[in-house]
N, C-alpha and C. Protein backbone atom coordinates (compact mmCIF):
# COMPACT_ATOMS: atom_id res chain seq x y z
N MET A 1 0.85 -1.19 0.00
CA MET A 1 0.00 0.00 0.00
C MET A 1 0.88 1.24 0.00
N SER A 2 0.53 2.25 -0.83
CA SER A 2 1.33 3.46 -0.91
C SER A 2 1.11 4.33 0.31
N ASP A 3 2.21 4.99 0.76
CA ASP A 3 2.11 5.93 1.86
C ASP A 3 1.83 7.35 1.38
N THR A 4 1.72 7.55 0.06
CA THR A 4 1.46 8.88 -0.47
C THR A 4 0.03 9.31 -0.16
N PRO A 5 -0.16 10.48 0.47
CA PRO A 5 -1.52 10.92 0.80
C PRO A 5 -2.31 11.21 -0.48
N PRO A 6 -3.62 11.02 -0.46
CA PRO A 6 -4.42 11.26 -1.65
C PRO A 6 -4.38 12.73 -2.05
N ASP A 7 -4.41 12.99 -3.35
CA ASP A 7 -4.45 14.35 -3.86
C ASP A 7 -5.70 15.05 -3.33
N PRO A 8 -5.56 16.24 -2.71
CA PRO A 8 -6.74 16.90 -2.12
C PRO A 8 -7.78 17.30 -3.15
N VAL A 9 -7.36 17.64 -4.38
CA VAL A 9 -8.33 17.98 -5.43
C VAL A 9 -9.15 16.75 -5.81
N LEU A 10 -8.47 15.62 -5.98
CA LEU A 10 -9.17 14.39 -6.35
C LEU A 10 -10.10 13.93 -5.24
N ARG A 11 -9.66 14.07 -4.01
CA ARG A 11 -10.51 13.69 -2.89
C ARG A 11 -11.76 14.56 -2.82
N GLU A 12 -11.57 15.86 -3.01
CA GLU A 12 -12.71 16.78 -2.96
C GLU A 12 -13.73 16.48 -4.04
N TYR A 13 -13.27 16.24 -5.27
CA TYR A 13 -14.22 16.04 -6.37
C TYR A 13 -14.78 14.63 -6.41
N ALA A 14 -14.12 13.70 -5.78
CA ALA A 14 -14.73 12.38 -5.61
C ALA A 14 -15.98 12.49 -4.75
N GLU A 15 -15.92 13.37 -3.75
CA GLU A 15 -17.06 13.56 -2.87
C GLU A 15 -18.16 14.42 -3.50
N LEU A 16 -17.77 15.37 -4.36
CA LEU A 16 -18.72 16.31 -4.95
C LEU A 16 -19.41 15.79 -6.21
N ALA A 17 -18.82 14.80 -6.88
CA ALA A 17 -19.19 14.46 -8.24
C ALA A 17 -20.70 14.26 -8.45
N GLN A 18 -21.32 13.44 -7.64
CA GLN A 18 -22.73 13.10 -7.87
C GLN A 18 -23.67 14.28 -7.66
N ASP A 19 -23.27 15.25 -6.84
CA ASP A 19 -24.13 16.39 -6.54
C ASP A 19 -23.65 17.68 -7.18
N TYR A 20 -22.57 17.61 -7.96
CA TYR A 20 -21.93 18.83 -8.46
C TYR A 20 -22.86 19.64 -9.35
N ASP A 21 -23.51 19.01 -10.32
CA ASP A 21 -24.35 19.75 -11.27
C ASP A 21 -25.49 20.48 -10.57
N ARG A 22 -26.10 19.83 -9.58
CA ARG A 22 -27.21 20.48 -8.87
C ARG A 22 -26.70 21.62 -7.99
N ARG A 23 -25.63 21.38 -7.26
CA ARG A 23 -25.13 22.36 -6.29
C ARG A 23 -24.61 23.63 -6.96
N TRP A 24 -23.95 23.47 -8.11
CA TRP A 24 -23.29 24.61 -8.75
C TRP A 24 -23.96 25.00 -10.07
N ALA A 25 -25.24 24.71 -10.22
CA ALA A 25 -25.94 24.93 -11.49
C ALA A 25 -25.87 26.38 -11.96
N PHE A 26 -26.14 27.34 -11.08
CA PHE A 26 -26.15 28.75 -11.48
C PHE A 26 -24.76 29.20 -11.90
N TYR A 27 -23.77 28.88 -11.11
CA TYR A 27 -22.39 29.28 -11.38
C TYR A 27 -21.89 28.67 -12.69
N VAL A 28 -22.13 27.38 -12.88
CA VAL A 28 -21.67 26.70 -14.10
C VAL A 28 -22.36 27.27 -15.33
N SER A 29 -23.67 27.53 -15.23
CA SER A 29 -24.40 28.07 -16.36
C SER A 29 -23.88 29.44 -16.77
N ALA A 30 -23.61 30.29 -15.78
CA ALA A 30 -23.13 31.64 -16.06
C ALA A 30 -21.74 31.62 -16.69
N THR A 31 -20.85 30.82 -16.14
CA THR A 31 -19.49 30.79 -16.68
C THR A 31 -19.45 30.10 -18.04
N LEU A 32 -20.30 29.10 -18.23
CA LEU A 32 -20.38 28.43 -19.52
C LEU A 32 -20.79 29.41 -20.61
N ARG A 33 -21.80 30.21 -20.33
CA ARG A 33 -22.29 31.18 -21.31
C ARG A 33 -21.18 32.15 -21.70
N GLU A 34 -20.48 32.68 -20.71
CA GLU A 34 -19.41 33.64 -20.99
C GLU A 34 -18.27 32.99 -21.77
N THR A 35 -17.93 31.77 -21.42
CA THR A 35 -16.83 31.07 -22.08
C THR A 35 -17.13 30.86 -23.56
N LEU A 36 -18.30 30.31 -23.87
CA LEU A 36 -18.62 29.99 -25.25
C LEU A 36 -18.82 31.23 -26.11
N GLU A 37 -19.22 32.35 -25.50
CA GLU A 37 -19.35 33.59 -26.26
C GLU A 37 -18.02 34.07 -26.79
N CYS A 38 -16.92 33.66 -26.17
CA CYS A 38 -15.59 34.10 -26.58
C CYS A 38 -14.97 33.21 -27.66
N VAL A 39 -15.60 32.08 -27.95
CA VAL A 39 -15.01 31.14 -28.90
C VAL A 39 -15.34 31.55 -30.34
N GLN A 40 -14.33 31.51 -31.20
CA GLN A 40 -14.53 31.70 -32.63
C GLN A 40 -14.63 30.31 -33.28
N PHE A 41 -15.83 29.93 -33.67
CA PHE A 41 -16.07 28.56 -34.14
C PHE A 41 -15.77 28.36 -35.63
N GLU A 42 -15.54 29.42 -36.35
CA GLU A 42 -15.23 29.27 -37.77
C GLU A 42 -13.94 28.46 -37.94
N GLY A 43 -14.02 27.40 -38.71
CA GLY A 43 -12.86 26.55 -38.97
C GLY A 43 -12.55 25.55 -37.87
N VAL A 44 -13.39 25.49 -36.83
CA VAL A 44 -13.15 24.56 -35.72
C VAL A 44 -13.86 23.23 -36.00
N ALA A 45 -13.11 22.14 -35.97
CA ALA A 45 -13.68 20.81 -36.15
C ALA A 45 -13.45 19.92 -34.94
N SER A 46 -12.39 20.18 -34.18
CA SER A 46 -12.05 19.33 -33.04
C SER A 46 -11.80 20.18 -31.80
N VAL A 47 -12.35 19.73 -30.66
CA VAL A 47 -12.28 20.50 -29.42
C VAL A 47 -11.83 19.60 -28.28
N LEU A 48 -10.90 20.10 -27.48
CA LEU A 48 -10.48 19.43 -26.25
C LEU A 48 -10.88 20.29 -25.06
N ASP A 49 -11.59 19.69 -24.11
CA ASP A 49 -11.95 20.35 -22.85
C ASP A 49 -11.04 19.80 -21.77
N VAL A 50 -10.16 20.64 -21.23
CA VAL A 50 -9.21 20.23 -20.21
C VAL A 50 -9.81 20.47 -18.83
N ALA A 51 -9.78 19.43 -17.98
CA ALA A 51 -10.47 19.45 -16.69
C ALA A 51 -11.97 19.62 -16.94
N CYS A 52 -12.52 18.71 -17.71
CA CYS A 52 -13.91 18.83 -18.18
C CYS A 52 -14.95 18.58 -17.11
N GLY A 53 -14.55 18.01 -15.96
CA GLY A 53 -15.51 17.78 -14.87
C GLY A 53 -16.66 16.89 -15.29
N THR A 54 -17.88 17.35 -15.01
CA THR A 54 -19.06 16.56 -15.35
C THR A 54 -19.54 16.79 -16.78
N GLY A 55 -18.76 17.53 -17.56
CA GLY A 55 -19.05 17.65 -18.99
C GLY A 55 -20.00 18.76 -19.39
N ALA A 56 -20.12 19.82 -18.59
CA ALA A 56 -21.06 20.90 -18.90
C ALA A 56 -20.72 21.59 -20.22
N VAL A 57 -19.44 21.93 -20.42
CA VAL A 57 -19.04 22.60 -21.66
C VAL A 57 -19.26 21.66 -22.85
N LEU A 58 -18.86 20.42 -22.70
CA LEU A 58 -19.00 19.46 -23.80
C LEU A 58 -20.47 19.21 -24.14
N ALA A 59 -21.33 19.17 -23.13
CA ALA A 59 -22.75 18.96 -23.38
C ALA A 59 -23.34 20.12 -24.17
N ALA A 60 -22.94 21.35 -23.83
CA ALA A 60 -23.42 22.52 -24.56
C ALA A 60 -22.92 22.50 -26.00
N LEU A 61 -21.66 22.14 -26.19
CA LEU A 61 -21.12 22.06 -27.55
C LEU A 61 -21.79 20.95 -28.35
N GLN A 62 -22.10 19.86 -27.69
CA GLN A 62 -22.77 18.74 -28.35
C GLN A 62 -24.15 19.16 -28.87
N ARG A 63 -24.85 19.98 -28.09
CA ARG A 63 -26.17 20.47 -28.49
C ARG A 63 -26.07 21.52 -29.59
N GLN A 64 -25.17 22.47 -29.42
CA GLN A 64 -25.11 23.64 -30.30
C GLN A 64 -24.32 23.40 -31.59
N HIS A 65 -23.33 22.50 -31.53
CA HIS A 65 -22.45 22.25 -32.67
C HIS A 65 -22.24 20.75 -32.82
N PRO A 66 -23.26 20.02 -33.24
CA PRO A 66 -23.19 18.55 -33.28
C PRO A 66 -22.16 18.00 -34.25
N TYR A 67 -21.63 18.82 -35.13
CA TYR A 67 -20.64 18.35 -36.10
C TYR A 67 -19.24 18.26 -35.50
N LEU A 68 -19.01 18.81 -34.30
CA LEU A 68 -17.68 18.87 -33.72
C LEU A 68 -17.22 17.51 -33.19
N ASN A 69 -15.93 17.25 -33.33
CA ASN A 69 -15.29 16.11 -32.68
C ASN A 69 -14.89 16.55 -31.28
N LEU A 70 -15.55 16.00 -30.25
CA LEU A 70 -15.38 16.47 -28.88
C LEU A 70 -14.60 15.47 -28.05
N VAL A 71 -13.63 16.02 -27.28
CA VAL A 71 -12.79 15.20 -26.41
C VAL A 71 -12.66 15.93 -25.08
N GLY A 72 -12.68 15.18 -23.98
CA GLY A 72 -12.50 15.78 -22.67
C GLY A 72 -11.54 14.97 -21.82
N VAL A 73 -10.80 15.66 -20.96
CA VAL A 73 -9.94 14.98 -19.99
C VAL A 73 -10.21 15.55 -18.60
N ASP A 74 -10.08 14.69 -17.61
CA ASP A 74 -10.20 15.13 -16.23
C ASP A 74 -9.42 14.17 -15.34
N ALA A 75 -8.91 14.69 -14.24
CA ALA A 75 -8.13 13.87 -13.32
C ALA A 75 -9.01 13.09 -12.35
N SER A 76 -10.29 13.46 -12.26
CA SER A 76 -11.21 12.79 -11.33
C SER A 76 -12.02 11.72 -12.05
N ALA A 77 -11.83 10.48 -11.67
CA ALA A 77 -12.59 9.38 -12.26
C ALA A 77 -14.08 9.52 -11.96
N GLU A 78 -14.40 10.04 -10.77
CA GLU A 78 -15.80 10.18 -10.37
C GLU A 78 -16.51 11.24 -11.21
N MET A 79 -15.85 12.36 -11.47
CA MET A 79 -16.45 13.39 -12.31
C MET A 79 -16.61 12.88 -13.75
N LEU A 80 -15.64 12.13 -14.25
CA LEU A 80 -15.74 11.57 -15.59
C LEU A 80 -16.90 10.58 -15.69
N SER A 81 -17.17 9.85 -14.63
CA SER A 81 -18.28 8.91 -14.65
C SER A 81 -19.61 9.63 -14.85
N VAL A 82 -19.77 10.78 -14.18
CA VAL A 82 -20.98 11.59 -14.37
C VAL A 82 -21.03 12.12 -15.81
N ALA A 83 -19.87 12.58 -16.31
CA ALA A 83 -19.83 13.10 -17.68
C ALA A 83 -20.20 12.03 -18.69
N ARG A 84 -19.72 10.80 -18.50
CA ARG A 84 -20.01 9.72 -19.45
C ARG A 84 -21.51 9.42 -19.49
N ALA A 85 -22.14 9.44 -18.33
CA ALA A 85 -23.58 9.18 -18.29
C ALA A 85 -24.35 10.29 -19.01
N LYS A 86 -23.84 11.49 -18.97
CA LYS A 86 -24.50 12.65 -19.58
C LYS A 86 -24.27 12.71 -21.09
N LEU A 87 -23.06 12.39 -21.52
CA LEU A 87 -22.65 12.65 -22.90
C LEU A 87 -22.76 11.44 -23.82
N GLY A 88 -22.72 10.24 -23.26
CA GLY A 88 -22.78 9.05 -24.09
C GLY A 88 -21.44 8.76 -24.77
N SER A 89 -21.45 7.83 -25.68
CA SER A 89 -20.22 7.35 -26.29
C SER A 89 -19.71 8.25 -27.42
N ALA A 90 -20.50 9.25 -27.81
CA ALA A 90 -20.08 10.11 -28.92
C ALA A 90 -18.93 11.03 -28.55
N VAL A 91 -18.73 11.26 -27.25
CA VAL A 91 -17.65 12.12 -26.78
C VAL A 91 -16.55 11.26 -26.18
N ASP A 92 -15.34 11.49 -26.60
CA ASP A 92 -14.17 10.75 -26.13
C ASP A 92 -13.68 11.36 -24.81
N LEU A 93 -13.83 10.64 -23.72
CA LEU A 93 -13.43 11.13 -22.40
C LEU A 93 -12.25 10.31 -21.89
N ARG A 94 -11.20 11.01 -21.42
CA ARG A 94 -9.99 10.36 -20.94
C ARG A 94 -9.66 10.77 -19.51
N HIS A 95 -9.13 9.82 -18.76
CA HIS A 95 -8.67 10.10 -17.41
C HIS A 95 -7.22 10.58 -17.50
N ALA A 96 -6.98 11.88 -17.29
CA ALA A 96 -5.64 12.44 -17.46
C ALA A 96 -5.55 13.78 -16.77
N PHE A 97 -4.31 14.19 -16.48
CA PHE A 97 -4.04 15.49 -15.86
C PHE A 97 -3.72 16.51 -16.95
N ALA A 98 -4.00 17.77 -16.64
CA ALA A 98 -3.73 18.86 -17.59
C ALA A 98 -2.25 18.96 -17.91
N GLU A 99 -1.40 18.58 -16.96
CA GLU A 99 0.04 18.71 -17.15
C GLU A 99 0.65 17.59 -18.01
N GLN A 100 -0.17 16.61 -18.37
CA GLN A 100 0.33 15.49 -19.19
C GLN A 100 -0.82 14.98 -20.06
N LEU A 101 -1.09 15.68 -21.15
CA LEU A 101 -2.21 15.34 -22.01
C LEU A 101 -1.85 14.17 -22.93
N PRO A 102 -2.72 13.17 -23.03
CA PRO A 102 -2.39 11.94 -23.78
C PRO A 102 -2.72 12.02 -25.27
N PHE A 103 -2.20 13.06 -25.92
CA PHE A 103 -2.51 13.28 -27.34
C PHE A 103 -1.25 13.69 -28.09
N PRO A 104 -1.21 13.41 -29.40
CA PRO A 104 -0.07 13.87 -30.21
C PRO A 104 -0.09 15.40 -30.35
N ASP A 105 0.96 15.91 -30.93
CA ASP A 105 1.06 17.35 -31.18
C ASP A 105 0.06 17.78 -32.25
N GLY A 106 -0.51 18.98 -32.07
CA GLY A 106 -1.26 19.64 -33.13
C GLY A 106 -2.50 18.95 -33.63
N VAL A 107 -3.31 18.39 -32.71
CA VAL A 107 -4.48 17.63 -33.17
C VAL A 107 -5.81 18.33 -32.90
N PHE A 108 -5.82 19.45 -32.18
CA PHE A 108 -7.08 20.12 -31.85
C PHE A 108 -7.10 21.55 -32.41
N ASP A 109 -8.29 21.95 -32.87
CA ASP A 109 -8.49 23.32 -33.33
C ASP A 109 -8.76 24.28 -32.18
N LEU A 110 -9.34 23.75 -31.11
CA LEU A 110 -9.74 24.57 -29.97
C LEU A 110 -9.51 23.79 -28.69
N VAL A 111 -8.90 24.45 -27.70
CA VAL A 111 -8.79 23.89 -26.35
C VAL A 111 -9.50 24.84 -25.41
N VAL A 112 -10.38 24.31 -24.56
CA VAL A 112 -11.09 25.12 -23.57
C VAL A 112 -10.82 24.54 -22.18
N SER A 113 -10.91 25.41 -21.19
CA SER A 113 -10.82 24.97 -19.79
C SER A 113 -11.59 25.97 -18.94
N ALA A 114 -12.59 25.50 -18.21
CA ALA A 114 -13.46 26.38 -17.45
C ALA A 114 -13.47 26.01 -15.97
N ASN A 115 -13.27 27.03 -15.14
CA ASN A 115 -13.40 26.88 -13.68
C ASN A 115 -12.40 25.90 -13.08
N SER A 116 -11.23 25.81 -13.66
CA SER A 116 -10.27 24.81 -13.19
C SER A 116 -8.85 25.33 -13.00
N PHE A 117 -8.51 26.44 -13.63
CA PHE A 117 -7.12 26.86 -13.68
C PHE A 117 -6.54 27.13 -12.29
N HIS A 118 -7.37 27.56 -11.34
CA HIS A 118 -6.86 27.86 -9.99
C HIS A 118 -6.51 26.59 -9.22
N TYR A 119 -6.83 25.41 -9.76
CA TYR A 119 -6.44 24.15 -9.13
C TYR A 119 -5.10 23.62 -9.65
N PHE A 120 -4.65 24.09 -10.79
CA PHE A 120 -3.47 23.50 -11.42
C PHE A 120 -2.22 23.81 -10.60
N GLN A 121 -1.53 22.76 -10.18
CA GLN A 121 -0.31 22.94 -9.40
C GLN A 121 0.86 23.41 -10.26
N GLN A 122 0.82 23.09 -11.55
CA GLN A 122 1.89 23.48 -12.48
C GLN A 122 1.26 24.18 -13.68
N PRO A 123 0.81 25.41 -13.52
CA PRO A 123 0.11 26.09 -14.62
C PRO A 123 0.96 26.26 -15.86
N ASP A 124 2.27 26.51 -15.69
CA ASP A 124 3.14 26.67 -16.86
C ASP A 124 3.17 25.38 -17.69
N ARG A 125 3.29 24.26 -17.00
CA ARG A 125 3.33 22.98 -17.70
C ARG A 125 1.99 22.67 -18.36
N ALA A 126 0.89 22.99 -17.67
CA ALA A 126 -0.43 22.75 -18.26
C ALA A 126 -0.62 23.58 -19.53
N LEU A 127 -0.22 24.85 -19.50
CA LEU A 127 -0.34 25.69 -20.68
C LEU A 127 0.57 25.20 -21.81
N SER A 128 1.75 24.72 -21.45
CA SER A 128 2.66 24.17 -22.46
C SER A 128 2.03 22.97 -23.16
N GLU A 129 1.34 22.12 -22.39
CA GLU A 129 0.67 20.97 -22.98
C GLU A 129 -0.51 21.39 -23.86
N MET A 130 -1.28 22.38 -23.42
CA MET A 130 -2.38 22.87 -24.25
C MET A 130 -1.86 23.46 -25.55
N PHE A 131 -0.77 24.20 -25.46
CA PHE A 131 -0.13 24.76 -26.65
C PHE A 131 0.32 23.63 -27.59
N ARG A 132 0.91 22.60 -27.04
CA ARG A 132 1.45 21.50 -27.84
C ARG A 132 0.37 20.80 -28.65
N VAL A 133 -0.78 20.53 -28.03
CA VAL A 133 -1.81 19.73 -28.71
C VAL A 133 -2.66 20.55 -29.67
N LEU A 134 -2.53 21.88 -29.65
CA LEU A 134 -3.24 22.73 -30.60
C LEU A 134 -2.55 22.69 -31.96
N ARG A 135 -3.34 22.73 -33.00
CA ARG A 135 -2.78 22.88 -34.34
C ARG A 135 -2.28 24.32 -34.50
N PRO A 136 -1.36 24.57 -35.44
CA PRO A 136 -0.95 25.95 -35.72
C PRO A 136 -2.18 26.81 -36.07
N GLY A 137 -2.30 27.94 -35.43
CA GLY A 137 -3.46 28.81 -35.63
C GLY A 137 -4.63 28.49 -34.72
N GLY A 138 -4.53 27.41 -33.92
CA GLY A 138 -5.62 27.03 -33.02
C GLY A 138 -5.76 28.01 -31.86
N GLN A 139 -6.91 27.93 -31.18
CA GLN A 139 -7.19 28.88 -30.10
C GLN A 139 -7.39 28.18 -28.76
N LEU A 140 -7.00 28.89 -27.72
CA LEU A 140 -7.20 28.46 -26.34
C LEU A 140 -8.12 29.44 -25.65
N VAL A 141 -9.13 28.93 -24.92
CA VAL A 141 -10.05 29.77 -24.17
C VAL A 141 -10.14 29.23 -22.75
N ILE A 142 -9.74 30.05 -21.78
CA ILE A 142 -9.76 29.66 -20.38
C ILE A 142 -10.63 30.64 -19.60
N THR A 143 -11.55 30.12 -18.80
CA THR A 143 -12.32 30.94 -17.86
C THR A 143 -11.99 30.49 -16.44
N ASP A 144 -11.73 31.48 -15.58
CA ASP A 144 -11.42 31.15 -14.19
C ASP A 144 -11.66 32.37 -13.31
N TRP A 145 -11.57 32.13 -12.00
CA TRP A 145 -11.70 33.23 -11.05
C TRP A 145 -10.62 34.27 -11.31
N CYS A 146 -10.94 35.53 -11.01
CA CYS A 146 -10.02 36.63 -11.29
C CYS A 146 -9.65 37.34 -9.98
N ASP A 147 -8.36 37.37 -9.69
CA ASP A 147 -7.88 37.97 -8.45
C ASP A 147 -7.88 39.50 -8.49
N ASP A 148 -8.30 40.08 -9.62
CA ASP A 148 -8.47 41.54 -9.67
C ASP A 148 -9.59 42.00 -8.74
N TYR A 149 -10.56 41.15 -8.49
CA TYR A 149 -11.71 41.50 -7.66
C TYR A 149 -11.40 41.23 -6.18
N TRP A 150 -11.71 42.21 -5.32
CA TRP A 150 -11.36 42.06 -3.90
C TRP A 150 -12.12 40.90 -3.26
N THR A 151 -13.34 40.63 -3.73
CA THR A 151 -14.10 39.52 -3.15
C THR A 151 -13.41 38.19 -3.44
N CYS A 152 -12.83 38.05 -4.64
CA CYS A 152 -12.12 36.83 -4.98
C CYS A 152 -10.83 36.72 -4.17
N ARG A 153 -10.15 37.84 -3.95
CA ARG A 153 -8.93 37.80 -3.14
C ARG A 153 -9.24 37.35 -1.73
N ALA A 154 -10.34 37.87 -1.17
CA ALA A 154 -10.73 37.47 0.18
C ALA A 154 -11.12 36.00 0.23
N CYS A 155 -11.84 35.56 -0.78
CA CYS A 155 -12.26 34.15 -0.85
C CYS A 155 -11.04 33.24 -0.99
N SER A 156 -10.06 33.69 -1.77
CA SER A 156 -8.86 32.89 -1.97
C SER A 156 -8.09 32.70 -0.68
N VAL A 157 -7.97 33.76 0.12
CA VAL A 157 -7.29 33.66 1.41
C VAL A 157 -8.00 32.65 2.31
N TRP A 158 -9.33 32.74 2.34
CA TRP A 158 -10.10 31.81 3.18
C TRP A 158 -9.92 30.37 2.71
N LEU A 159 -9.95 30.17 1.39
CA LEU A 159 -9.81 28.82 0.84
C LEU A 159 -8.44 28.23 1.13
N ARG A 160 -7.41 29.05 1.12
CA ARG A 160 -6.07 28.54 1.41
C ARG A 160 -5.97 28.02 2.84
N TRP A 161 -6.75 28.59 3.72
CA TRP A 161 -6.77 28.14 5.11
C TRP A 161 -7.65 26.92 5.32
N THR A 162 -8.70 26.79 4.52
CA THR A 162 -9.72 25.78 4.80
C THR A 162 -9.73 24.59 3.83
N ARG A 163 -9.16 24.76 2.63
CA ARG A 163 -9.22 23.69 1.63
C ARG A 163 -7.85 23.51 0.99
N HIS A 164 -7.27 22.35 1.21
CA HIS A 164 -5.94 22.08 0.66
C HIS A 164 -5.96 21.92 -0.85
N SER A 165 -7.14 21.75 -1.43
CA SER A 165 -7.23 21.58 -2.88
C SER A 165 -6.99 22.90 -3.62
N HIS A 166 -7.23 24.01 -2.95
CA HIS A 166 -7.10 25.32 -3.60
C HIS A 166 -5.63 25.66 -3.80
N HIS A 167 -5.25 26.05 -5.02
CA HIS A 167 -3.85 26.42 -5.28
C HIS A 167 -3.68 27.93 -5.24
N ARG A 168 -4.12 28.64 -6.28
CA ARG A 168 -4.03 30.10 -6.25
C ARG A 168 -4.87 30.71 -7.37
N LEU A 169 -5.23 31.97 -7.18
CA LEU A 169 -5.90 32.74 -8.22
C LEU A 169 -4.88 33.65 -8.90
N TYR A 170 -5.26 34.16 -10.06
CA TYR A 170 -4.37 35.02 -10.84
C TYR A 170 -5.06 36.33 -11.18
N ARG A 171 -4.28 37.39 -11.17
CA ARG A 171 -4.77 38.66 -11.69
C ARG A 171 -4.76 38.58 -13.22
N SER A 172 -5.53 39.47 -13.84
CA SER A 172 -5.63 39.41 -15.30
C SER A 172 -4.27 39.59 -15.96
N ARG A 173 -3.45 40.50 -15.44
CA ARG A 173 -2.11 40.71 -16.02
C ARG A 173 -1.26 39.44 -15.90
N GLU A 174 -1.35 38.77 -14.75
CA GLU A 174 -0.58 37.53 -14.56
C GLU A 174 -1.02 36.46 -15.54
N CYS A 175 -2.32 36.36 -15.77
CA CYS A 175 -2.84 35.34 -16.68
C CYS A 175 -2.39 35.62 -18.12
N ARG A 176 -2.44 36.88 -18.52
CA ARG A 176 -1.93 37.24 -19.85
C ARG A 176 -0.46 36.85 -19.99
N ASP A 177 0.33 37.17 -18.96
CA ASP A 177 1.75 36.88 -19.00
C ASP A 177 2.03 35.37 -19.10
N LEU A 178 1.22 34.57 -18.39
CA LEU A 178 1.40 33.13 -18.45
C LEU A 178 1.16 32.60 -19.86
N LEU A 179 0.12 33.08 -20.52
CA LEU A 179 -0.16 32.62 -21.88
C LEU A 179 0.92 33.08 -22.85
N THR A 180 1.35 34.32 -22.68
CA THR A 180 2.40 34.83 -23.57
C THR A 180 3.69 34.03 -23.40
N SER A 181 4.04 33.73 -22.16
CA SER A 181 5.25 32.95 -21.89
C SER A 181 5.16 31.55 -22.47
N ALA A 182 3.93 31.00 -22.56
CA ALA A 182 3.73 29.66 -23.12
C ALA A 182 3.78 29.66 -24.65
N GLY A 183 3.85 30.85 -25.26
CA GLY A 183 3.95 30.92 -26.71
C GLY A 183 2.71 31.42 -27.42
N PHE A 184 1.63 31.70 -26.68
CA PHE A 184 0.39 32.14 -27.31
C PHE A 184 0.51 33.59 -27.77
N GLN A 185 -0.16 33.91 -28.88
CA GLN A 185 -0.18 35.25 -29.44
C GLN A 185 -1.61 35.78 -29.46
N GLN A 186 -1.76 37.07 -29.76
CA GLN A 186 -3.07 37.73 -29.83
C GLN A 186 -3.86 37.45 -28.55
N VAL A 187 -3.19 37.54 -27.41
CA VAL A 187 -3.83 37.23 -26.14
C VAL A 187 -4.79 38.36 -25.76
N ALA A 188 -6.03 38.00 -25.52
CA ALA A 188 -7.06 38.97 -25.12
C ALA A 188 -7.76 38.45 -23.88
N LEU A 189 -8.32 39.38 -23.09
CA LEU A 189 -8.95 38.98 -21.83
C LEU A 189 -10.12 39.90 -21.53
N ARG A 190 -11.17 39.31 -20.99
CA ARG A 190 -12.27 40.13 -20.49
C ARG A 190 -12.70 39.62 -19.12
N ARG A 191 -13.08 40.55 -18.27
CA ARG A 191 -13.51 40.23 -16.91
C ARG A 191 -15.03 40.36 -16.82
N PHE A 192 -15.63 39.60 -15.91
CA PHE A 192 -17.08 39.69 -15.70
C PHE A 192 -17.43 39.22 -14.30
N LYS A 193 -18.59 39.67 -13.81
CA LYS A 193 -19.09 39.26 -12.50
C LYS A 193 -20.26 38.31 -12.69
N VAL A 194 -20.27 37.23 -11.89
CA VAL A 194 -21.41 36.32 -11.86
C VAL A 194 -22.42 36.81 -10.83
N ASN A 195 -21.93 37.19 -9.67
CA ASN A 195 -22.75 37.85 -8.65
C ASN A 195 -21.80 38.68 -7.78
N TRP A 196 -22.23 39.07 -6.60
CA TRP A 196 -21.41 39.96 -5.76
C TRP A 196 -20.09 39.31 -5.35
N LEU A 197 -20.05 37.97 -5.30
CA LEU A 197 -18.86 37.27 -4.84
C LEU A 197 -17.92 36.91 -5.98
N TRP A 198 -18.46 36.29 -7.01
CA TRP A 198 -17.61 35.69 -8.03
C TRP A 198 -17.29 36.69 -9.14
N GLY A 199 -16.02 37.05 -9.23
CA GLY A 199 -15.51 37.83 -10.35
C GLY A 199 -14.60 36.93 -11.15
N LEU A 200 -14.87 36.80 -12.43
CA LEU A 200 -14.12 35.88 -13.27
C LEU A 200 -13.51 36.58 -14.47
N MET A 201 -12.71 35.84 -15.20
CA MET A 201 -12.12 36.35 -16.44
C MET A 201 -12.07 35.22 -17.45
N THR A 202 -12.19 35.60 -18.70
CA THR A 202 -11.97 34.68 -19.81
C THR A 202 -10.79 35.21 -20.61
N VAL A 203 -9.79 34.37 -20.79
CA VAL A 203 -8.60 34.75 -21.54
C VAL A 203 -8.50 33.89 -22.79
N ILE A 204 -8.20 34.53 -23.91
CA ILE A 204 -8.15 33.86 -25.20
C ILE A 204 -6.76 34.05 -25.80
N GLY A 205 -6.17 32.97 -26.26
CA GLY A 205 -4.88 33.04 -26.92
C GLY A 205 -4.86 32.16 -28.16
N HIS A 206 -3.95 32.47 -29.08
CA HIS A 206 -3.85 31.72 -30.33
C HIS A 206 -2.44 31.19 -30.49
N LYS A 207 -2.35 29.95 -30.94
CA LYS A 207 -1.06 29.40 -31.31
C LYS A 207 -0.65 30.00 -32.64
N PRO A 208 0.59 30.43 -32.78
CA PRO A 208 1.02 31.03 -34.06
C PRO A 208 0.71 30.09 -35.24
N PRO A 209 0.30 30.65 -36.37
CA PRO A 209 -0.07 29.80 -37.51
C PRO A 209 1.12 29.08 -38.14
N PHE A 210 2.32 29.59 -37.92
CA PHE A 210 3.50 28.96 -38.49
C PHE A 210 4.58 28.88 -37.42
N GLY A 211 5.33 27.81 -37.45
CA GLY A 211 6.44 27.66 -36.53
C GLY A 211 7.60 28.52 -36.95
N PRO A 212 8.67 28.52 -36.14
CA PRO A 212 9.84 29.30 -36.49
C PRO A 212 10.49 28.80 -37.78
N SER A 213 10.95 29.72 -38.60
CA SER A 213 11.55 29.36 -39.87
C SER A 213 12.95 28.84 -39.71
């Protein structure tokens, strides 16, 4: 038997999985709407959802754009089980971490990740992997909590004391810098409020259409 303690994120979502959609319905719906509004679907045929959870983003894409080839990864087997029941066999779901995506280079037109970036222990590595699996000219869209808002900063401090699964939040400038350092170009960002507590941001970046000459 291993002496390694269980990952706090995996432990938390193993407990939340069956009730997640009901408990967080308003929050997920609001962030989903904002995320998909930022996506440019022209020329998109294949989509990867990183940390797909129970499959909310994939389910919306399945309804709105049935022609898309949809793939999702998540580190929680329990959350993936809920997603599989929701999405059926038409969506390819894999058990994997954002920092080690099980795909070849340049196979997706679009990579999305919603409500997960503040959990990533190695954000630079996760962004590097998202960059790698995008085709030249592909786009990345990430929605997450924004540390520009004082309510989020206060919530982050509380979570660091009470939940070991919480890693950190980022200010909009920090998030832009992370994408730029990972190689993304045309990085754009918009902030929005879900309610008095949750202030979020959606950041969009593009992989250069051509590699270095």
